[in-house]
Amino acid sequence: MADYEEFLGSTFALQIDKVEVARFTGCSGLAINTNVVEFTETTKEGKIVIRKRPGHTTYEDIVLKRGFSKSTAVTDWHKGVLEGTIERHDGSVIMYDSTGSEVDRWNFEQGWPSKWSASDLDANTDDVMIEELTITHEKLERAKK
């Protein structure tokens, strides 16, 4: 029987080489896209039909967001890219429920930080400054618990 339980994510952790680097409150880009290749074929009866087959698979960049903090783990990793020493790592995005229990995990391979940004600074607001990290990678798979 299928399991239809829906997850309500509250926090996400970034784990690099099995070590938790940071916790985040937002995550996007957990996506796998397989291109469709169309070709025509003639049946034995002479009818022309269009067939569809899977082509190559691509993976979207993972974008993680959190309130800006004193931790420099994320910016230190990105600093290597700026210095020309890209550090590719395998890692995971882990989803925790409101009790802090792990409920799901997505593993990526050969990831590296392609973008880091912080929200605009504005002295007239009490909004939390947001830090955003984009991870480019070569493979993504859901590792069901």
C-alpha atoms as a PDB file:
ATOM      1  CA  MET A   1       0.000   0.000   0.000  1.00  0.00           C
ATOM      2  CA  ALA A   2       1.257   3.495  -0.839  1.00  0.00           C
ATOM      3  CA  ASP A   3       2.343   5.919   1.863  1.00  0.00           C
ATOM      4  CA  TYR A   4       0.581   9.277   1.406  1.00  0.00           C
ATOM      5  CA  GLU A   5       1.894  11.128   4.440  1.00  0.00           C
ATOM      6  CA  GLU A   6       2.726  14.728   3.563  1.00  0.00           C
ATOM      7  CA  PHE A   7       5.762  16.411   5.070  1.00  0.00           C
ATOM      8  CA  LEU A   8       5.580  19.854   6.595  1.00  0.00           C
ATOM      9  CA  GLY A   9       9.191  21.022   6.478  1.00  0.00           C
ATOM     10  CA  SER A  10      10.348  23.397   9.116  1.00  0.00           C
ATOM     11  CA  THR A  11      14.129  23.405   8.687  1.00  0.00           C
ATOM     12  CA  PHE A  12      16.659  22.065   6.233  1.00  0.00           C
ATOM     13  CA  ALA A  13      20.276  21.166   6.910  1.00  0.00           C
ATOM     14  CA  LEU A  14      23.153  21.229   4.471  1.00  0.00           C
ATOM     15  CA  GLN A  15      25.503  18.350   5.041  1.00  0.00           C
ATOM     16  CA  ILE A  16      28.856  18.243   3.217  1.00  0.00           C
ATOM     17  CA  ASP A  17      30.840  15.006   3.306  1.00  0.00           C
ATOM     18  CA  LYS A  18      28.530  13.782   6.110  1.00  0.00           C
ATOM     19  CA  VAL A  19      29.171  16.850   8.320  1.00  0.00           C
ATOM     20  CA  GLU A  20      26.374  19.363   8.964  1.00  0.00           C
ATOM     21  CA  VAL A  21      27.516  22.788   7.751  1.00  0.00           C
ATOM     22  CA  ALA A  22      24.413  24.915   8.298  1.00  0.00           C
ATOM     23  CA  ARG A  23      20.649  24.935   8.830  1.00  0.00           C
ATOM     24  CA  PHE A  24      18.315  26.724   6.440  1.00  0.00           C
ATOM     25  CA  THR A  25      14.650  27.741   6.443  1.00  0.00           C
ATOM     26  CA  GLY A  26      14.124  27.632   2.683  1.00  0.00           C
ATOM     27  CA  CYS A  27      15.163  25.318  -0.112  1.00  0.00           C
ATOM     28  CA  SER A  28      14.391  25.184  -3.831  1.00  0.00           C
ATOM     29  CA  GLY A  29      15.824  23.426  -6.858  1.00  0.00           C
ATOM     30  CA  LEU A  30      15.339  19.852  -5.746  1.00  0.00           C
ATOM     31  CA  ALA A  31      14.486  18.922  -9.329  1.00  0.00           C
ATOM     32  CA  ILE A  32      15.499  16.323 -11.886  1.00  0.00           C
ATOM     33  CA  ASN A  33      14.655  16.983 -15.538  1.00  0.00           C
ATOM     34  CA  THR A  34      14.821  14.364 -18.282  1.00  0.00           C
ATOM     35  CA  ASN A  35      14.643  15.692 -21.831  1.00  0.00           C
ATOM     36  CA  VAL A  36      12.163  14.098 -24.225  1.00  0.00           C
ATOM     37  CA  VAL A  37      13.500  12.926 -27.582  1.00  0.00           C
ATOM     38  CA  GLU A  38      10.866  12.602 -30.309  1.00  0.00           C
ATOM     39  CA  PHE A  39      11.294  10.527 -33.454  1.00  0.00           C
ATOM     40  CA  THR A  40       8.986   9.307 -36.195  1.00  0.00           C
ATOM     41  CA  GLU A  41       8.441   5.682 -36.980  1.00  0.00           C
ATOM     42  CA  THR A  42       6.439   3.875 -39.633  1.00  0.00           C
ATOM     43  CA  THR A  43       4.366   0.936 -38.434  1.00  0.00           C
ATOM     44  CA  LYS A  44       3.934  -2.313 -40.388  1.00  0.00           C
ATOM     45  CA  GLU A  45       0.637  -0.923 -41.637  1.00  0.00           C
ATOM     46  CA  GLY A  46       2.379   2.154 -43.081  1.00  0.00           C
ATOM     47  CA  LYS A  47       1.077   4.556 -40.439  1.00  0.00           C
ATOM     48  CA  ILE A  48       3.535   7.254 -39.322  1.00  0.00           C
ATOM     49  CA  VAL A  49       3.623   7.701 -35.537  1.00  0.00           C
ATOM     50  CA  ILE A  50       5.648   9.911 -33.270  1.00  0.00           C
ATOM     51  CA  ARG A  51       7.444   8.077 -30.479  1.00  0.00           C
ATOM     52  CA  LYS A  52       8.962   9.627 -27.379  1.00  0.00           C
ATOM     53  CA  ARG A  53      11.984   8.385 -25.481  1.00  0.00           C
ATOM     54  CA  PRO A  54      13.938   9.744 -22.543  1.00  0.00           C
ATOM     55  CA  GLY A  55      16.992  11.827 -23.426  1.00  0.00           C
ATOM     56  CA  HIS A  56      19.713  13.126 -21.136  1.00  0.00           C
ATOM     57  CA  THR A  57      18.963  14.108 -17.558  1.00  0.00           C
ATOM     58  CA  THR A  58      19.868  17.436 -15.977  1.00  0.00           C
ATOM     59  CA  TYR A  59      19.676  18.679 -12.407  1.00  0.00           C
ATOM     60  CA  GLU A  60      18.613  22.131 -11.249  1.00  0.00           C
ATOM     61  CA  ASP A  61      20.807  24.134  -8.908  1.00  0.00           C
ATOM     62  CA  ILE A  62      19.891  23.854  -5.238  1.00  0.00           C
ATOM     63  CA  VAL A  63      19.124  27.200  -3.579  1.00  0.00           C
ATOM     64  CA  LEU A  64      19.178  27.394   0.217  1.00  0.00           C
ATOM     65  CA  LYS A  65      18.035  30.411   2.258  1.00  0.00           C
ATOM     66  CA  ARG A  66      18.397  31.331   5.917  1.00  0.00           C
ATOM     67  CA  GLY A  67      18.689  34.245   8.258  1.00  0.00           C
ATOM     68  CA  PHE A  68      22.188  35.713   8.103  1.00  0.00           C
ATOM     69  CA  SER A  69      24.406  34.517  10.947  1.00  0.00           C
ATOM     70  CA  LYS A  70      27.961  34.801  12.299  1.00  0.00           C
ATOM     71  CA  SER A  71      28.887  31.419  10.791  1.00  0.00           C
ATOM     72  CA  THR A  72      31.316  31.685   7.874  1.00  0.00           C
ATOM     73  CA  ALA A  73      31.136  28.028   6.774  1.00  0.00           C
ATOM     74  CA  VAL A  74      29.075  28.861   3.676  1.00  0.00           C
ATOM     75  CA  THR A  75      31.128  31.885   2.607  1.00  0.00           C
ATOM     76  CA  ASP A  76      34.384  30.030   3.307  1.00  0.00           C
ATOM     77  CA  TRP A  77      33.317  27.273   0.908  1.00  0.00           C
ATOM     78  CA  HIS A  78      32.415  29.862  -1.745  1.00  0.00           C
ATOM     79  CA  LYS A  79      35.738  31.674  -1.199  1.00  0.00           C
ATOM     80  CA  GLY A  80      37.533  28.723  -2.829  1.00  0.00           C
ATOM     81  CA  VAL A  81      35.630  29.364  -6.062  1.00  0.00           C
ATOM     82  CA  LEU A  82      36.704  33.012  -6.011  1.00  0.00           C
ATOM     83  CA  GLU A  83      40.310  31.959  -5.527  1.00  0.00           C
ATOM     84  CA  GLY A  84      40.152  29.451  -8.382  1.00  0.00           C
ATOM     85  CA  THR A  85      40.223  26.355  -6.199  1.00  0.00           C
ATOM     86  CA  ILE A  86      36.768  24.874  -6.589  1.00  0.00           C
ATOM     87  CA  GLU A  87      36.109  22.340  -3.859  1.00  0.00           C
ATOM     88  CA  ARG A  88      33.558  19.857  -5.158  1.00  0.00           C
ATOM     89  CA  HIS A  89      31.858  17.841  -2.465  1.00  0.00           C
ATOM     90  CA  ASP A  90      29.143  15.255  -2.161  1.00  0.00           C
ATOM     91  CA  GLY A  91      26.444  16.335   0.223  1.00  0.00           C
ATOM     92  CA  SER A  92      22.856  16.201   1.336  1.00  0.00           C
ATOM     93  CA  VAL A  93      19.922  18.480   1.943  1.00  0.00           C
ATOM     94  CA  ILE A  94      18.104  17.060   4.948  1.00  0.00           C
ATOM     95  CA  MET A  95      14.520  17.976   5.830  1.00  0.00           C
ATOM     96  CA  TYR A  96      13.521  18.014   9.495  1.00  0.00           C
ATOM     97  CA  ASP A  97       9.999  18.169  10.854  1.00  0.00           C
ATOM     98  CA  SER A  98       8.880  20.509  13.630  1.00  0.00           C
ATOM     99  CA  THR A  99      10.124  18.053  16.294  1.00  0.00           C
ATOM    100  CA  GLY A 100      13.646  18.018  14.821  1.00  0.00           C
ATOM    101  CA  SER A 101      13.371  14.514  13.396  1.00  0.00           C
ATOM    102  CA  GLU A 102      14.795  13.805   9.953  1.00  0.00           C
ATOM    103  CA  VAL A 103      11.962  13.037   7.546  1.00  0.00           C
ATOM    104  CA  ASP A 104      13.653  13.116   4.156  1.00  0.00           C
ATOM    105  CA  ARG A 105      17.001  13.571   2.437  1.00  0.00           C
ATOM    106  CA  TRP A 106      18.298  14.488  -1.022  1.00  0.00           C
ATOM    107  CA  ASN A 107      21.885  13.526  -1.830  1.00  0.00           C
ATOM    108  CA  PHE A 108      23.884  15.437  -4.424  1.00  0.00           C
ATOM    109  CA  GLU A 109      27.225  14.656  -6.038  1.00  0.00           C
ATOM    110  CA  GLN A 110      30.133  16.899  -6.988  1.00  0.00           C
ATOM    111  CA  GLY A 111      28.484  20.056  -5.624  1.00  0.00           C
ATOM    112  CA  TRP A 112      30.125  23.457  -5.459  1.00  0.00           C
ATOM    113  CA  PRO A 113      28.843  26.910  -4.474  1.00  0.00           C
ATOM    114  CA  SER A 114      28.134  28.863  -7.652  1.00  0.00           C
ATOM    115  CA  LYS A 115      26.484  31.841  -5.944  1.00  0.00           C
ATOM    116  CA  TRP A 116      26.267  33.465  -2.533  1.00  0.00           C
ATOM    117  CA  SER A 117      24.188  36.524  -1.760  1.00  0.00           C
ATOM    118  CA  ALA A 118      22.702  38.470   1.114  1.00  0.00           C
ATOM    119  CA  SER A 119      19.550  40.551   1.153  1.00  0.00           C
ATOM    120  CA  ASP A 120      19.680  44.321   0.862  1.00  0.00           C
ATOM    121  CA  LEU A 121      20.546  46.249   3.977  1.00  0.00           C
ATOM    122  CA  ASP A 122      17.873  48.641   5.194  1.00  0.00           C
ATOM    123  CA  ALA A 123      18.079  50.488   8.525  1.00  0.00           C
ATOM    124  CA  ASN A 124      14.352  51.313   8.323  1.00  0.00           C
ATOM    125  CA  THR A 125      13.155  47.736   8.751  1.00  0.00           C
ATOM    126  CA  ASP A 126      13.265  45.014  11.361  1.00  0.00           C
ATOM    127  CA  ASP A 127      13.340  42.252   8.725  1.00  0.00           C
ATOM    128  CA  VAL A 128      15.929  39.546   9.175  1.00  0.00           C
ATOM    129  CA  MET A 129      18.817  39.744   6.730  1.00  0.00           C
ATOM    130  CA  ILE A 130      18.653  36.695   4.424  1.00  0.00           C
ATOM    131  CA  GLU A 131      21.665  34.722   3.214  1.00  0.00           C
ATOM    132  CA  GLU A 132      21.274  32.644   0.046  1.00  0.00           C
ATOM    133  CA  LEU A 133      23.543  29.895  -1.264  1.00  0.00           C
ATOM    134  CA  THR A 134      23.300  28.289  -4.715  1.00  0.00           C
ATOM    135  CA  ILE A 135      24.888  24.868  -5.158  1.00  0.00           C
ATOM    136  CA  THR A 136      25.604  23.545  -8.641  1.00  0.00           C
ATOM    137  CA  HIS A 137      25.992  19.781  -8.809  1.00  0.00           C
ATOM    138  CA  GLU A 138      26.120  16.823 -11.177  1.00  0.00           C
ATOM    139  CA  LYS A 139      23.557  14.425  -9.715  1.00  0.00           C
ATOM    140  CA  LEU A 140      20.656  14.477  -7.274  1.00  0.00           C
ATOM    141  CA  GLU A 141      18.679  11.623  -5.805  1.00  0.00           C
ATOM    142  CA  ARG A 142      16.131  11.322  -3.075  1.00  0.00           C
ATOM    143  CA  ALA A 143      17.323   8.996  -0.348  1.00  0.00           C
ATOM    144  CA  LYS A 144      14.095   7.812   1.215  1.00  0.00           C
ATOM    145  CA  LYS A 145      14.406   7.087   4.918  1.00  0.00           C
END
